[in-house]
Amino acid sequence: MLNLLGGLAQAQVIAPEIASTPEVAQTKPQVRIVTDEFAPLQYLNDGTPDGYVTEYIQAIIERVKRVYSFEATAFEFLPWKRALLEAKTAPNTLFFSLSRTAEREPHYQWLGTVSPYRQSFYKLKKNTHITVENLNALRDSAYVVGIQRGGSAQSLVDKLGFKQARDYTTYTHYSQGIQMLYNDRIDMLPLTDFLARNAACRGGFNGDLLTPVIAINTLANPLWATFSNNSDQQLVVAFKAAMTDLKEEGIYQEILDRHLTNWNNQPCIAEESQ
């Protein structure tokens, strides 16, 4: 078991006739929790952090605190690119949910997976003229594609030779991309398969009007939680162990199943014009 931090240092007696030195409090490490809104994984629900990854992270924190004394900040929901930067540079920064790629590998300490993940490019069903077989054909087409800035999809299309402003336009958050799609400003955008419908519904659109066009098999990898490289190594070890334990005990799967069932059973309250 890891030694607990905190508490007071023992007084040191210098000599019989000299009083002991004052007790000095040891500082507990502080874990900063940084993420971006990505419902139903992690998001603000009426100002309160919600989602299945959020609940899993909270359970991990409580489990680690049994063996290691530390402080955890409130969940910080930041724009994606800023969150990535903070997660790289700030000590003891816990970050989620992140695709694990070769480019990102050296910049983070990878703790464990927190969510399944698979994306496809989606269009509106009414646009029957939009048909492409693969990403290379999409690159060479005249279709207008939307991509989230700084995300794994942007890295992928850049590798495939897509050019920003020529082959795709960008937005800060996927919800903006959904709005652009339903307002006919773009023809397609990448969305996570099991979240696409409800992501549109949450934006006030009819999610049943979406249909996948191209599966992005390259990005069909689970999402991870990470610590920044300059983090307390005892924290890293303790978090990894807690994540493994919660999965082996079935707690993670129960959290995931409950949240996804509730999420997918939500009625879609769409705009009347859609």
Protein backbone atom coordinates (compact mmCIF):
# COMPACT_ATOMS: atom_id res chain seq x y z
CA MET A 1 0.00 0.00 0.00
CA LEU A 2 1.24 3.47 -0.84
CA ASN A 3 2.24 5.73 2.04
CA LEU A 4 -0.36 8.37 2.74
CA LEU A 5 0.70 11.96 2.26
CA GLY A 6 -0.34 14.79 4.53
CA GLY A 7 -0.33 14.93 8.29
CA LEU A 8 2.31 16.65 10.38
CA ALA A 9 6.02 15.96 10.48
CA GLN A 10 7.44 14.70 13.76
CA ALA A 11 9.21 17.33 15.90
CA GLN A 12 12.99 17.00 15.97
CA VAL A 13 14.71 17.34 19.37
CA ILE A 14 18.00 19.20 18.86
CA ALA A 15 19.28 19.03 22.46
CA PRO A 16 17.77 18.44 25.87
CA GLU A 17 17.83 22.14 26.71
CA ILE A 18 16.44 23.28 23.29
CA ALA A 19 12.78 23.11 22.46
CA SER A 20 11.62 20.94 19.58
CA THR A 21 11.18 22.55 16.17
CA PRO A 22 7.62 23.44 15.16
CA GLU A 23 5.63 20.81 13.34
CA VAL A 24 5.57 21.39 9.57
CA ALA A 25 2.58 20.34 7.51
CA GLN A 26 3.35 18.39 4.38
CA THR A 27 1.59 19.61 1.26
CA LYS A 28 -0.75 17.17 -0.45
CA PRO A 29 -0.38 16.90 -4.22
CA GLN A 30 -3.26 18.48 -6.12
CA VAL A 31 -4.75 16.80 -9.15
CA ARG A 32 -6.20 19.16 -11.72
CA ILE A 33 -9.07 17.60 -13.69
CA VAL A 34 -9.39 18.89 -17.27
CA THR A 35 -11.72 17.79 -20.05
CA ASP A 36 -13.95 18.99 -22.88
CA GLU A 37 -17.72 18.53 -23.08
CA PHE A 38 -18.55 15.36 -24.97
CA ALA A 39 -21.98 14.04 -24.01
CA PRO A 40 -22.77 11.48 -22.76
CA LEU A 41 -19.15 10.75 -21.78
CA GLN A 42 -18.54 13.98 -19.88
CA TYR A 43 -20.62 17.15 -19.91
CA LEU A 44 -22.30 19.77 -17.74
CA ASN A 45 -25.89 18.93 -16.90
CA ASP A 46 -27.48 22.12 -15.52
CA GLY A 47 -24.05 23.16 -14.30
CA THR A 48 -23.20 19.80 -12.70
CA PRO A 49 -20.63 17.39 -14.20
CA ASP A 50 -22.41 14.36 -15.65
CA GLY A 51 -21.72 11.43 -17.96
CA TYR A 52 -20.42 7.89 -17.68
CA VAL A 53 -16.73 8.82 -17.91
CA THR A 54 -17.29 11.54 -15.31
CA GLU A 55 -18.85 9.03 -12.91
CA TYR A 56 -16.06 6.53 -13.62
CA ILE A 57 -13.37 9.15 -12.94
CA GLN A 58 -15.11 10.14 -9.70
CA ALA A 59 -15.15 6.49 -8.62
CA ILE A 60 -11.44 6.17 -9.46
CA ILE A 61 -10.61 9.25 -7.39
CA GLU A 62 -12.50 7.89 -4.38
CA ARG A 63 -10.74 4.53 -4.74
CA VAL A 64 -7.28 6.10 -4.96
CA LYS A 65 -7.95 8.25 -1.90
CA ARG A 66 -8.15 5.04 0.15
CA VAL A 67 -4.40 4.56 -0.32
CA TYR A 68 -3.02 7.96 -1.27
CA SER A 69 -3.78 11.39 0.14
CA PHE A 70 -4.28 14.10 -2.47
CA GLU A 71 -6.61 16.93 -3.40
CA ALA A 72 -8.65 17.00 -6.60
CA THR A 73 -9.95 20.16 -8.22
CA ALA A 74 -13.43 20.57 -9.62
CA PHE A 75 -13.91 19.35 -13.20
CA GLU A 76 -12.73 22.00 -15.67
CA PHE A 77 -14.53 21.93 -19.03
CA LEU A 78 -12.32 23.73 -21.55
CA PRO A 79 -12.29 24.12 -25.35
CA TRP A 80 -10.65 21.06 -26.90
CA LYS A 81 -7.36 22.60 -28.06
CA ARG A 82 -6.83 24.44 -24.78
CA ALA A 83 -7.61 21.26 -22.83
CA LEU A 84 -5.00 19.36 -24.85
CA LEU A 85 -2.39 22.01 -24.13
CA GLU A 86 -3.15 22.19 -20.40
CA ALA A 87 -3.05 18.40 -20.16
CA LYS A 88 0.44 18.37 -21.67
CA THR A 89 2.08 21.11 -19.66
CA ALA A 90 0.49 21.49 -16.20
CA PRO A 91 1.82 19.07 -13.51
CA ASN A 92 -0.57 16.46 -12.07
CA THR A 93 -3.20 17.16 -14.73
CA LEU A 94 -5.75 14.40 -15.24
CA PHE A 95 -7.30 14.53 -18.72
CA PHE A 96 -9.98 12.55 -20.58
CA SER A 97 -11.32 11.34 -23.01
CA LEU A 98 -8.49 11.11 -25.56
CA SER A 99 -7.68 8.96 -28.58
CA ARG A 100 -4.29 7.32 -28.28
CA THR A 101 -2.24 8.05 -31.39
CA ALA A 102 1.43 7.83 -32.31
CA GLU A 103 1.68 11.62 -32.36
CA ARG A 104 0.22 11.96 -28.87
CA GLU A 105 1.97 8.96 -27.32
CA PRO A 106 5.03 10.76 -25.87
CA HIS A 107 3.12 13.77 -24.58
CA TYR A 108 1.02 12.02 -21.92
CA GLN A 109 1.10 9.21 -19.39
CA TRP A 110 -1.63 6.81 -20.47
CA LEU A 111 -3.65 5.48 -17.54
CA GLY A 112 -6.35 3.28 -19.08
CA THR A 113 -9.35 3.25 -21.39
CA VAL A 114 -12.54 5.07 -20.39
CA SER A 115 -14.87 4.65 -23.38
CA PRO A 116 -15.38 2.70 -26.59
CA TYR A 117 -15.07 4.88 -29.66
CA ARG A 118 -15.83 4.61 -33.36
CA GLN A 119 -16.56 7.38 -35.82
CA SER A 120 -18.20 7.68 -39.22
CA PHE A 121 -18.82 10.58 -41.55
CA TYR A 122 -22.52 11.45 -41.40
CA LYS A 123 -24.81 13.26 -43.80
CA LEU A 124 -28.52 14.12 -43.78
CA LYS A 125 -30.73 11.40 -45.31
CA LYS A 126 -32.34 13.95 -47.64
CA ASN A 127 -29.02 14.40 -49.44
CA THR A 128 -29.29 11.23 -51.50
CA HIS A 129 -26.86 12.60 -54.08
CA ILE A 130 -23.97 12.39 -51.57
CA THR A 131 -22.30 9.03 -52.12
CA VAL A 132 -18.60 8.27 -51.57
CA GLU A 133 -16.93 4.94 -50.93
CA ASN A 134 -13.88 5.92 -48.92
CA LEU A 135 -11.89 8.82 -47.50
CA ASN A 136 -9.71 9.20 -50.58
CA ALA A 137 -12.82 9.62 -52.73
CA LEU A 138 -14.14 12.14 -50.20
CA ARG A 139 -10.90 14.12 -50.44
CA ASP A 140 -11.18 14.24 -54.23
CA SER A 141 -14.87 15.15 -54.21
CA ALA A 142 -16.47 18.58 -54.19
CA TYR A 143 -18.37 17.91 -50.97
CA VAL A 144 -17.97 20.35 -48.10
CA VAL A 145 -16.66 18.54 -45.01
CA GLY A 146 -16.60 19.83 -41.44
CA ILE A 147 -13.90 18.76 -38.93
CA GLN A 148 -13.33 19.64 -35.27
CA ARG A 149 -10.14 21.64 -34.82
CA GLY A 150 -7.36 19.79 -33.04
CA GLY A 151 -9.16 16.44 -32.97
CA SER A 152 -7.97 13.05 -34.19
CA ALA A 153 -10.13 13.34 -37.32
CA GLN A 154 -8.25 16.48 -38.39
CA SER A 155 -4.91 14.71 -37.93
CA LEU A 156 -6.19 11.82 -40.06
CA VAL A 157 -7.50 13.86 -42.98
CA ASP A 158 -4.35 15.99 -42.98
CA LYS A 159 -2.30 12.80 -43.32
CA LEU A 160 -4.48 11.73 -46.24
CA GLY A 161 -3.79 14.95 -48.09
CA PHE A 162 -6.92 16.94 -47.26
CA LYS A 163 -6.24 20.68 -47.27
CA GLN A 164 -7.96 22.99 -44.82
CA ALA A 165 -10.16 25.62 -46.51
CA ARG A 166 -10.04 23.60 -49.73
CA ASP A 167 -11.26 20.15 -48.68
CA TYR A 168 -12.63 20.87 -45.21
CA THR A 169 -13.66 23.61 -42.83
CA THR A 170 -13.23 23.53 -39.07
CA TYR A 171 -15.22 24.28 -35.94
CA THR A 172 -14.39 24.35 -32.23
CA HIS A 173 -16.93 21.80 -30.94
CA TYR A 174 -18.83 19.00 -32.64
CA SER A 175 -22.15 20.62 -31.68
CA GLN A 176 -21.24 23.52 -33.96
CA GLY A 177 -20.60 21.04 -36.76
CA ILE A 178 -24.04 19.50 -36.26
CA GLN A 179 -25.63 22.92 -36.51
CA MET A 180 -23.69 23.60 -39.71
CA LEU A 181 -24.84 20.27 -41.19
CA TYR A 182 -28.54 20.86 -40.48
CA ASN A 183 -28.25 24.42 -41.81
CA ASP A 184 -26.77 23.04 -45.08
CA ARG A 185 -23.43 24.77 -44.59
CA ILE A 186 -21.53 21.47 -44.80
CA ASP A 187 -22.33 18.14 -46.44
CA MET A 188 -20.72 15.77 -43.94
CA LEU A 189 -18.98 15.62 -40.59
CA PRO A 190 -17.49 12.89 -38.38
CA LEU A 191 -19.55 11.78 -35.38
CA THR A 192 -19.22 8.97 -32.87
CA ASP A 193 -21.54 6.20 -34.04
CA PHE A 194 -23.41 5.41 -30.82
CA LEU A 195 -23.73 9.10 -29.91
CA ALA A 196 -24.66 10.69 -33.23
CA ARG A 197 -28.46 10.66 -32.96
CA ASN A 198 -28.65 12.04 -29.46
CA ALA A 199 -25.92 14.58 -30.10
CA ALA A 200 -28.15 16.04 -32.83
CA CYS A 201 -31.21 15.82 -30.61
CA ARG A 202 -29.47 17.73 -27.84
CA GLY A 203 -28.79 20.49 -30.35
CA GLY A 204 -32.50 20.77 -31.13
CA PHE A 205 -32.38 18.79 -34.37
CA ASN A 206 -34.00 15.54 -35.49
CA GLY A 207 -31.29 12.95 -34.98
CA ASP A 208 -33.22 10.39 -37.01
CA LEU A 209 -32.40 12.40 -40.14
CA LEU A 210 -28.72 11.43 -39.85
CA THR A 211 -27.18 8.52 -41.72
CA PRO A 212 -23.58 7.26 -41.86
CA VAL A 213 -21.68 7.44 -45.15
CA ILE A 214 -18.11 6.30 -44.45
CA ALA A 215 -16.83 4.42 -41.41
CA ILE A 216 -13.52 5.82 -40.11
CA ASN A 217 -11.96 2.49 -39.22
CA THR A 218 -8.59 4.06 -38.45
CA LEU A 219 -10.14 5.85 -35.49
CA ALA A 220 -12.02 2.83 -34.12
CA ASN A 221 -10.02 2.81 -30.90
CA PRO A 222 -11.05 3.31 -27.27
CA LEU A 223 -10.61 6.66 -25.54
CA TRP A 224 -8.18 7.05 -22.66
CA ALA A 225 -7.56 8.96 -19.46
CA THR A 226 -4.09 10.46 -19.09
CA PHE A 227 -1.81 12.28 -16.70
CA SER A 228 0.64 14.94 -17.83
CA ASN A 229 4.23 13.73 -18.09
CA ASN A 230 5.42 15.83 -15.15
CA SER A 231 3.00 14.20 -12.71
CA ASP A 232 3.57 12.49 -9.37
CA GLN A 233 4.46 8.90 -10.24
CA GLN A 234 2.77 7.47 -7.16
CA LEU A 235 -0.45 9.08 -8.36
CA VAL A 236 0.01 7.57 -11.81
CA VAL A 237 0.52 4.08 -10.39
CA ALA A 238 -2.42 4.41 -7.99
CA PHE A 239 -4.80 5.64 -10.70
CA LYS A 240 -3.85 2.81 -13.05
CA ALA A 241 -4.48 0.25 -10.31
CA ALA A 242 -7.84 1.77 -9.37
CA MET A 243 -9.00 1.79 -13.00
CA THR A 244 -8.12 -1.87 -13.37
CA ASP A 245 -9.86 -2.82 -10.12
CA LEU A 246 -13.10 -1.00 -11.00
CA LYS A 247 -13.23 -2.77 -14.35
CA GLU A 248 -12.52 -6.20 -12.87
CA GLU A 249 -15.25 -5.61 -10.27
CA GLY A 250 -17.78 -4.78 -12.99
CA ILE A 251 -18.31 -1.24 -11.71
CA TYR A 252 -17.17 0.43 -14.92
CA GLN A 253 -19.46 -1.70 -17.10
CA GLU A 254 -22.45 -0.99 -14.85
CA ILE A 255 -21.80 2.75 -15.10
CA LEU A 256 -21.40 2.58 -18.89
CA ASP A 257 -24.53 0.46 -19.48
CA ARG A 258 -26.71 2.61 -17.22
CA HIS A 259 -25.70 5.90 -18.77
CA LEU A 260 -25.95 4.70 -22.38
CA THR A 261 -29.37 3.14 -21.77
CA ASN A 262 -30.69 6.37 -20.28
CA TRP A 263 -29.06 8.43 -23.01
CA ASN A 264 -30.39 6.38 -25.92
CA ASN A 265 -33.90 6.23 -24.46
CA GLN A 266 -34.23 10.00 -24.34
CA PRO A 267 -36.91 11.37 -26.67
CA CYS A 268 -35.60 13.53 -29.49
CA ILE A 269 -37.13 16.97 -29.14
CA ALA A 270 -36.36 18.40 -32.57
CA GLU A 271 -37.07 21.74 -34.11
CA GLU A 272 -40.43 21.79 -35.85
CA SER A 273 -38.80 23.01 -39.05
CA GLN A 274 -36.63 19.89 -39.34
